[in-house]
PDB file of N, CA and C in Angstrom:
ATOM      1  N   CYS A   1       5.500 -15.072  -6.857  1.00  0.00           N
ATOM      2  CA  CYS A   1       5.716 -13.609  -7.325  1.00  0.00           C
ATOM      3  C   CYS A   1       5.631 -12.557  -6.351  1.00  0.00           C
ATOM      4  N   LEU A   2       5.224 -12.968  -5.413  1.00  0.00           N
ATOM      5  CA  LEU A   2       5.776 -12.267  -3.624  1.00  0.00           C
ATOM      6  C   LEU A   2       6.409 -12.227  -3.316  1.00  0.00           C
ATOM      7  N   ALA A   3       7.094 -11.237  -3.181  1.00  0.00           N
ATOM      8  CA  ALA A   3       8.102 -10.778  -2.734  1.00  0.00           C
ATOM      9  C   ALA A   3       7.933  -9.191  -0.907  1.00  0.00           C
ATOM     10  N   PRO A   4       8.824  -9.127  -0.776  1.00  0.00           N
ATOM     11  CA  PRO A   4       8.807  -8.423  -0.088  1.00  0.00           C
ATOM     12  C   PRO A   4       9.839  -7.240  -0.176  1.00  0.00           C
ATOM     13  N   LEU A   5       9.003  -5.821   0.047  1.00  0.00           N
ATOM     14  CA  LEU A   5       9.939  -4.872  -0.289  1.00  0.00           C
ATOM     15  C   LEU A   5      10.523  -4.453   0.629  1.00  0.00           C
ATOM     16  N   THR A   6       9.686  -3.456   1.699  1.00  0.00           N
ATOM     17  CA  THR A   6       9.558  -2.243   3.194  1.00  0.00           C
ATOM     18  C   THR A   6       8.706  -2.617   3.895  1.00  0.00           C
ATOM     19  N   PHE A   7       8.574  -1.649   4.628  1.00  0.00           N
ATOM     20  CA  PHE A   7       7.365  -1.775   6.088  1.00  0.00           C
ATOM     21  C   PHE A   7       7.323  -0.280   5.855  1.00  0.00           C
ATOM     22  N   ALA A   8       5.957   0.056   7.201  1.00  0.00           N
ATOM     23  CA  ALA A   8       5.855   0.930   7.614  1.00  0.00           C
ATOM     24  C   ALA A   8       6.429   1.063   8.688  1.00  0.00           C
ATOM     25  N   SER A   9       5.940   1.318   9.889  1.00  0.00           N
ATOM     26  CA  SER A   9       6.010   1.987  10.767  1.00  0.00           C
ATOM     27  C   SER A   9       5.413   2.975  11.351  1.00  0.00           C
ATOM     28  N   HIS A  10       4.368   3.026  12.701  1.00  0.00           N
ATOM     29  CA  HIS A  10       3.857   4.637  12.533  1.00  0.00           C
ATOM     30  C   HIS A  10       2.780   4.514  13.531  1.00  0.00           C
ATOM     31  N   VAL A  11       3.063   5.602  14.837  1.00  0.00           N
ATOM     32  CA  VAL A  11       2.873   5.557  16.383  1.00  0.00           C
ATOM     33  C   VAL A  11       1.406   5.939  16.226  1.00  0.00           C
ATOM     34  N   TYR A  12       1.053   4.943  15.889  1.00  0.00           N
ATOM     35  CA  TYR A  12      -1.036   5.803  16.295  1.00  0.00           C
ATOM     36  C   TYR A  12      -1.139   5.986  18.490  1.00  0.00           C
ATOM     37  N   ASP A  13      -2.419   7.127  18.969  1.00  0.00           N
ATOM     38  CA  ASP A  13      -2.690   7.163  19.570  1.00  0.00           C
ATOM     39  C   ASP A  13      -2.795   6.319  21.023  1.00  0.00           C
ATOM     40  N   ASP A  14      -2.580   4.178  20.616  1.00  0.00           N
ATOM     41  CA  ASP A  14      -2.712   3.385  21.240  1.00  0.00           C
ATOM     42  C   ASP A  14      -2.315   2.540  21.042  1.00  0.00           C
ATOM     43  N   PHE A  15      -1.471   2.452  19.492  1.00  0.00           N
ATOM     44  CA  PHE A  15      -0.329   1.203  18.907  1.00  0.00           C
ATOM     45  C   PHE A  15       0.473   2.263  18.297  1.00  0.00           C
ATOM     46  N   HIS A  16       1.618   0.921  18.594  1.00  0.00           N
ATOM     47  CA  HIS A  16       2.390   0.929  17.269  1.00  0.00           C
ATOM     48  C   HIS A  16       2.504   0.379  15.632  1.00  0.00           C
ATOM     49  N   LEU A  17       1.978   1.452  14.718  1.00  0.00           N
ATOM     50  CA  LEU A  17       1.812  -0.188  13.688  1.00  0.00           C
ATOM     51  C   LEU A  17       3.194  -0.323  13.119  1.00  0.00           C
ATOM     52  N   LEU A  18       3.775  -1.717  13.235  1.00  0.00           N
ATOM     53  CA  LEU A  18       4.336  -2.069  11.932  1.00  0.00           C
ATOM     54  C   LEU A  18       4.027  -2.872  10.990  1.00  0.00           C
ATOM     55  N   MET A  19       4.277  -2.335  10.175  1.00  0.00           N
ATOM     56  CA  MET A  19       3.363  -3.275   8.269  1.00  0.00           C
ATOM     57  C   MET A  19       4.117  -3.277   7.268  1.00  0.00           C
ATOM     58  N   PRO A  20       4.656  -4.570   6.633  1.00  0.00           N
ATOM     59  CA  PRO A  20       5.372  -4.999   5.916  1.00  0.00           C
ATOM     60  C   PRO A  20       4.273  -4.435   4.482  1.00  0.00           C
ATOM     61  N   LEU A  21       5.045  -4.513   3.660  1.00  0.00           N
ATOM     62  CA  LEU A  21       4.339  -4.413   1.682  1.00  0.00           C
ATOM     63  C   LEU A  21       5.151  -4.905   1.346  1.00  0.00           C
ATOM     64  N   TYR A  22       4.400  -5.521   0.915  1.00  0.00           N
ATOM     65  CA  TYR A  22       5.398  -6.737  -0.408  1.00  0.00           C
ATOM     66  C   TYR A  22       4.719  -6.294  -1.643  1.00  0.00           C
ATOM     67  N   VAL A  23       5.239  -6.769  -2.857  1.00  0.00           N
ATOM     68  CA  VAL A  23       5.075  -6.712  -4.276  1.00  0.00           C
ATOM     69  C   VAL A  23       4.656  -7.681  -5.116  1.00  0.00           C
ATOM     70  N   CYS A  24       3.582  -7.771  -5.683  1.00  0.00           N
ATOM     71  CA  CYS A  24       3.211  -9.221  -6.852  1.00  0.00           C
ATOM     72  C   CYS A  24       2.999  -8.193  -8.017  1.00  0.00           C
ATOM     73  N   ARG A  25       4.029  -8.891  -8.832  1.00  0.00           N
ATOM     74  CA  ARG A  25       3.794  -8.475 -10.319  1.00  0.00           C
ATOM     75  C   ARG A  25       3.377  -9.722 -11.213  1.00  0.00           C
ATOM     76  N   VAL A  26       2.359 -10.092 -10.605  1.00  0.00           N
ATOM     77  CA  VAL A  26       2.145 -11.393 -11.380  1.00  0.00           C
ATOM     78  C   VAL A  26       0.278 -12.231 -10.314  1.00  0.00           C
ATOM     79  N   TRP A  27      -0.140 -11.827 -11.232  1.00  0.00           N
ATOM     80  CA  TRP A  27      -1.228 -12.922 -10.391  1.00  0.00           C
ATOM     81  C   TRP A  27      -2.901 -13.358 -11.894  1.00  0.00           C
ATOM     82  N   LYS A  28      -3.256 -14.751 -11.010  1.00  0.00           N
ATOM     83  CA  LYS A  28      -4.467 -15.114 -11.342  1.00  0.00           C
ATOM     84  C   LYS A  28      -5.689 -14.403 -10.875  1.00  0.00           C
ATOM     85  N   GLY A  29      -6.635 -14.036 -11.494  1.00  0.00           N
ATOM     86  CA  GLY A  29      -8.237 -14.522 -10.908  1.00  0.00           C
ATOM     87  C   GLY A  29      -7.800 -12.420 -10.976  1.00  0.00           C
ATOM     88  N   GLU A  30      -9.454 -12.369 -10.278  1.00  0.00           N
ATOM     89  CA  GLU A  30      -9.655 -10.809  -9.919  1.00  0.00           C
ATOM     90  C   GLU A  30      -9.221 -11.152  -8.068  1.00  0.00           C
ATOM     91  N   ILE A  31      -8.770  -9.287  -8.759  1.00  0.00           N
ATOM     92  CA  ILE A  31      -8.630  -8.621  -6.942  1.00  0.00           C
ATOM     93  C   ILE A  31      -9.563  -9.091  -6.000  1.00  0.00           C
ATOM     94  N   THR A  32      -9.613  -8.387  -4.995  1.00  0.00           N
ATOM     95  CA  THR A  32     -10.929  -8.952  -3.715  1.00  0.00           C
ATOM     96  C   THR A  32     -10.768  -7.715  -3.342  1.00  0.00           C
ATOM     97  N   PRO A  33     -11.583  -6.819  -3.095  1.00  0.00           N
ATOM     98  CA  PRO A  33     -11.141  -5.806  -1.237  1.00  0.00           C
ATOM     99  C   PRO A  33     -11.491  -6.139  -0.137  1.00  0.00           C
ATOM    100  N   ARG A  34     -11.219  -5.769   0.493  1.00  0.00           N
ATOM    101  CA  ARG A  34     -11.323  -6.433   1.955  1.00  0.00           C
ATOM    102  C   ARG A  34     -11.610  -5.794   3.024  1.00  0.00           C
ATOM    103  N   GLU A  35     -12.047  -5.743   4.172  1.00  0.00           N
ATOM    104  CA  GLU A  35     -12.611  -5.053   5.044  1.00  0.00           C
ATOM    105  C   GLU A  35     -13.806  -3.944   4.641  1.00  0.00           C
ATOM    106  N   GLY A  36     -14.909  -4.204   3.617  1.00  0.00           N
ATOM    107  CA  GLY A  36     -15.247  -2.794   2.845  1.00  0.00           C
ATOM    108  C   GLY A  36     -14.688  -1.442   2.612  1.00  0.00           C
ATOM    109  N   GLN A  37     -13.557  -1.789   1.912  1.00  0.00           N
ATOM    110  CA  GLN A  37     -12.350  -0.817   1.460  1.00  0.00           C
ATOM    111  C   GLN A  37     -12.730  -1.152  -0.393  1.00  0.00           C
ATOM    112  N   GLN A  38     -13.029   0.343  -1.330  1.00  0.00           N
ATOM    113  CA  GLN A  38     -12.274   0.502  -1.996  1.00  0.00           C
ATOM    114  C   GLN A  38     -11.576  -0.394  -3.465  1.00  0.00           C
ATOM    115  N   LEU A  39     -11.536  -0.672  -4.527  1.00  0.00           N
ATOM    116  CA  LEU A  39     -10.974  -1.336  -5.109  1.00  0.00           C
ATOM    117  C   LEU A  39     -10.553   0.092  -6.345  1.00  0.00           C
ATOM    118  N   LYS A  40      -8.720   0.285  -6.434  1.00  0.00           N
ATOM    119  CA  LYS A  40      -8.876   1.562  -8.477  1.00  0.00           C
ATOM    120  C   LYS A  40      -7.765   1.741  -8.480  1.00  0.00           C
ATOM    121  N   TRP A  41      -7.472   1.185 -10.261  1.00  0.00           N
ATOM    122  CA  TRP A  41      -6.140   1.214 -10.502  1.00  0.00           C
ATOM    123  C   TRP A  41      -5.938   2.484 -10.967  1.00  0.00           C
ATOM    124  N   VAL A  42      -5.149   3.339 -10.278  1.00  0.00           N
ATOM    125  CA  VAL A  42      -4.280   4.135 -10.296  1.00  0.00           C
ATOM    126  C   VAL A  42      -3.085   4.771 -10.803  1.00  0.00           C
ATOM    127  N   ARG A  43      -2.872   5.264 -11.761  1.00  0.00           N
ATOM    128  CA  ARG A  43      -1.864   5.625 -12.449  1.00  0.00           C
ATOM    129  C   ARG A  43      -0.288   5.670 -10.626  1.00  0.00           C
ATOM    130  N   PRO A  44       0.415   5.417 -10.844  1.00  0.00           N
ATOM    131  CA  PRO A  44       1.039   5.830  -9.455  1.00  0.00           C
ATOM    132  C   PRO A  44       1.433   7.362  -9.409  1.00  0.00           C
ATOM    133  N   VAL A  45       1.721   8.447 -10.003  1.00  0.00           N
ATOM    134  CA  VAL A  45       2.494   9.483 -10.272  1.00  0.00           C
ATOM    135  C   VAL A  45       0.498  10.789  -9.293  1.00  0.00           C
ATOM    136  N   ARG A  46      -0.028  10.009  -9.438  1.00  0.00           N
ATOM    137  CA  ARG A  46      -1.750  10.324  -8.948  1.00  0.00           C
ATOM    138  C   ARG A  46      -2.384   9.184  -7.682  1.00  0.00           C
ATOM    139  N   LEU A  47      -1.491   8.551  -7.118  1.00  0.00           N
ATOM    140  CA  LEU A  47      -1.198   7.660  -5.960  1.00  0.00           C
ATOM    141  C   LEU A  47      -1.540   9.459  -4.822  1.00  0.00           C
ATOM    142  N   GLY A  48      -0.714  10.665  -4.933  1.00  0.00           N
ATOM    143  CA  GLY A  48      -1.083  10.428  -2.920  1.00  0.00           C
ATOM    144  C   GLY A  48      -2.048  11.778  -3.616  1.00  0.00           C
ATOM    145  N   ASP A  49      -2.679  11.618  -4.189  1.00  0.00           N
ATOM    146  CA  ASP A  49      -4.780  12.669  -4.922  1.00  0.00           C
ATOM    147  C   ASP A  49      -5.214  11.708  -4.238  1.00  0.00           C
ATOM    148  N   TYR A  50      -5.539  10.523  -3.105  1.00  0.00           N
ATOM    149  CA  TYR A  50      -5.936   9.697  -2.698  1.00  0.00           C
ATOM    150  C   TYR A  50      -5.522  10.369  -0.657  1.00  0.00           C
ATOM    151  N   ASP A  51      -6.837   9.953  -0.496  1.00  0.00           N
ATOM    152  CA  ASP A  51      -7.252   9.859   1.509  1.00  0.00           C
ATOM    153  C   ASP A  51      -6.253   8.296   1.537  1.00  0.00           C
ATOM    154  N   MET A  52      -5.466   8.641   2.603  1.00  0.00           N
ATOM    155  CA  MET A  52      -4.660   6.826   3.233  1.00  0.00           C
ATOM    156  C   MET A  52      -4.441   7.264   4.157  1.00  0.00           C
ATOM    157  N   PRO A  53      -4.309   6.058   5.757  1.00  0.00           N
ATOM    158  CA  PRO A  53      -4.188   6.265   6.253  1.00  0.00           C
ATOM    159  C   PRO A  53      -2.358   6.647   6.853  1.00  0.00           C
ATOM    160  N   PRO A  54      -2.045   7.663   7.771  1.00  0.00           N
ATOM    161  CA  PRO A  54      -1.052   8.468   7.670  1.00  0.00           C
ATOM    162  C   PRO A  54       0.275   6.463   8.014  1.00  0.00           C
ATOM    163  N   ALA A  55      -0.149   5.866   8.228  1.00  0.00           N
ATOM    164  CA  ALA A  55       1.272   4.926   8.393  1.00  0.00           C
ATOM    165  C   ALA A  55       1.315   4.389   6.487  1.00  0.00           C
ATOM    166  N   ASP A  56       0.498   4.843   5.697  1.00  0.00           N
ATOM    167  CA  ASP A  56       0.362   4.587   3.995  1.00  0.00           C
ATOM    168  C   ASP A  56       1.074   5.606   4.021  1.00  0.00           C
ATOM    169  N   VAL A  57       1.102   7.057   4.459  1.00  0.00           N
ATOM    170  CA  VAL A  57       1.726   8.048   3.487  1.00  0.00           C
ATOM    171  C   VAL A  57       2.846   8.273   3.162  1.00  0.00           C
ATOM    172  N   PRO A  58       4.018   7.428   3.741  1.00  0.00           N
ATOM    173  CA  PRO A  58       6.122   7.386   3.855  1.00  0.00           C
ATOM    174  C   PRO A  58       5.997   6.239   1.868  1.00  0.00           C
ATOM    175  N   LEU A  59       5.002   5.135   2.272  1.00  0.00           N
ATOM    176  CA  LEU A  59       4.792   4.192   1.253  1.00  0.00           C
ATOM    177  C   LEU A  59       4.781   4.888   0.056  1.00  0.00           C
ATOM    178  N   VAL A  60       4.406   6.357  -0.185  1.00  0.00           N
ATOM    179  CA  VAL A  60       4.069   6.615  -1.366  1.00  0.00           C
ATOM    180  C   VAL A  60       4.642   6.519  -2.401  1.00  0.00           C
ATOM    181  N   ALA A  61       5.945   8.017  -1.682  1.00  0.00           N
ATOM    182  CA  ALA A  61       7.250   7.516  -3.194  1.00  0.00           C
ATOM    183  C   ALA A  61       8.099   6.749  -3.854  1.00  0.00           C
ATOM    184  N   MET A  62       7.995   5.494  -2.856  1.00  0.00           N
ATOM    185  CA  MET A  62       8.587   3.858  -3.055  1.00  0.00           C
ATOM    186  C   MET A  62       7.659   4.114  -3.756  1.00  0.00           C
ATOM    187  N   LEU A  63       6.670   3.584  -3.806  1.00  0.00           N
ATOM    188  CA  LEU A  63       5.791   3.142  -4.607  1.00  0.00           C
ATOM    189  C   LEU A  63       5.740   3.307  -5.956  1.00  0.00           C
ATOM    190  N   ARG A  64       5.424   4.519  -6.049  1.00  0.00           N
ATOM    191  CA  ARG A  64       5.838   5.505  -7.509  1.00  0.00           C
ATOM    192  C   ARG A  64       7.050   5.326  -7.948  1.00  0.00           C
ATOM    193  N   ASP A  65       8.128   5.369  -7.285  1.00  0.00           N
ATOM    194  CA  ASP A  65       9.869   4.239  -7.513  1.00  0.00           C
ATOM    195  C   ASP A  65       9.587   3.845  -8.372  1.00  0.00           C
ATOM    196  N   LEU A  66       8.639   2.534  -7.656  1.00  0.00           N
ATOM    197  CA  LEU A  66       8.745   1.357  -8.569  1.00  0.00           C
ATOM    198  C   LEU A  66       7.822   0.575  -9.600  1.00  0.00           C
ATOM    199  N   LEU A  67       6.628   1.519  -9.587  1.00  0.00           N
ATOM    200  CA  LEU A  67       5.841   1.116 -10.733  1.00  0.00           C
ATOM    201  C   LEU A  67       6.340   2.309 -11.856  1.00  0.00           C
TER     202      LEU A  67
END
């Protein structure tokens, strides 16, 4: 049930990031944070209230519309 949604493209000082965004609506088990990150379930309207890397910011409106 993993489906591609869109991608983010962002130029940082020392590299260009091209990051795909996937949507998964059904899963089994528990989600596991990677690389020391914290996870939190929030309502879509609150996504903009959280700090995130610059490359992720344009994805917020798209996720709000989808969710």
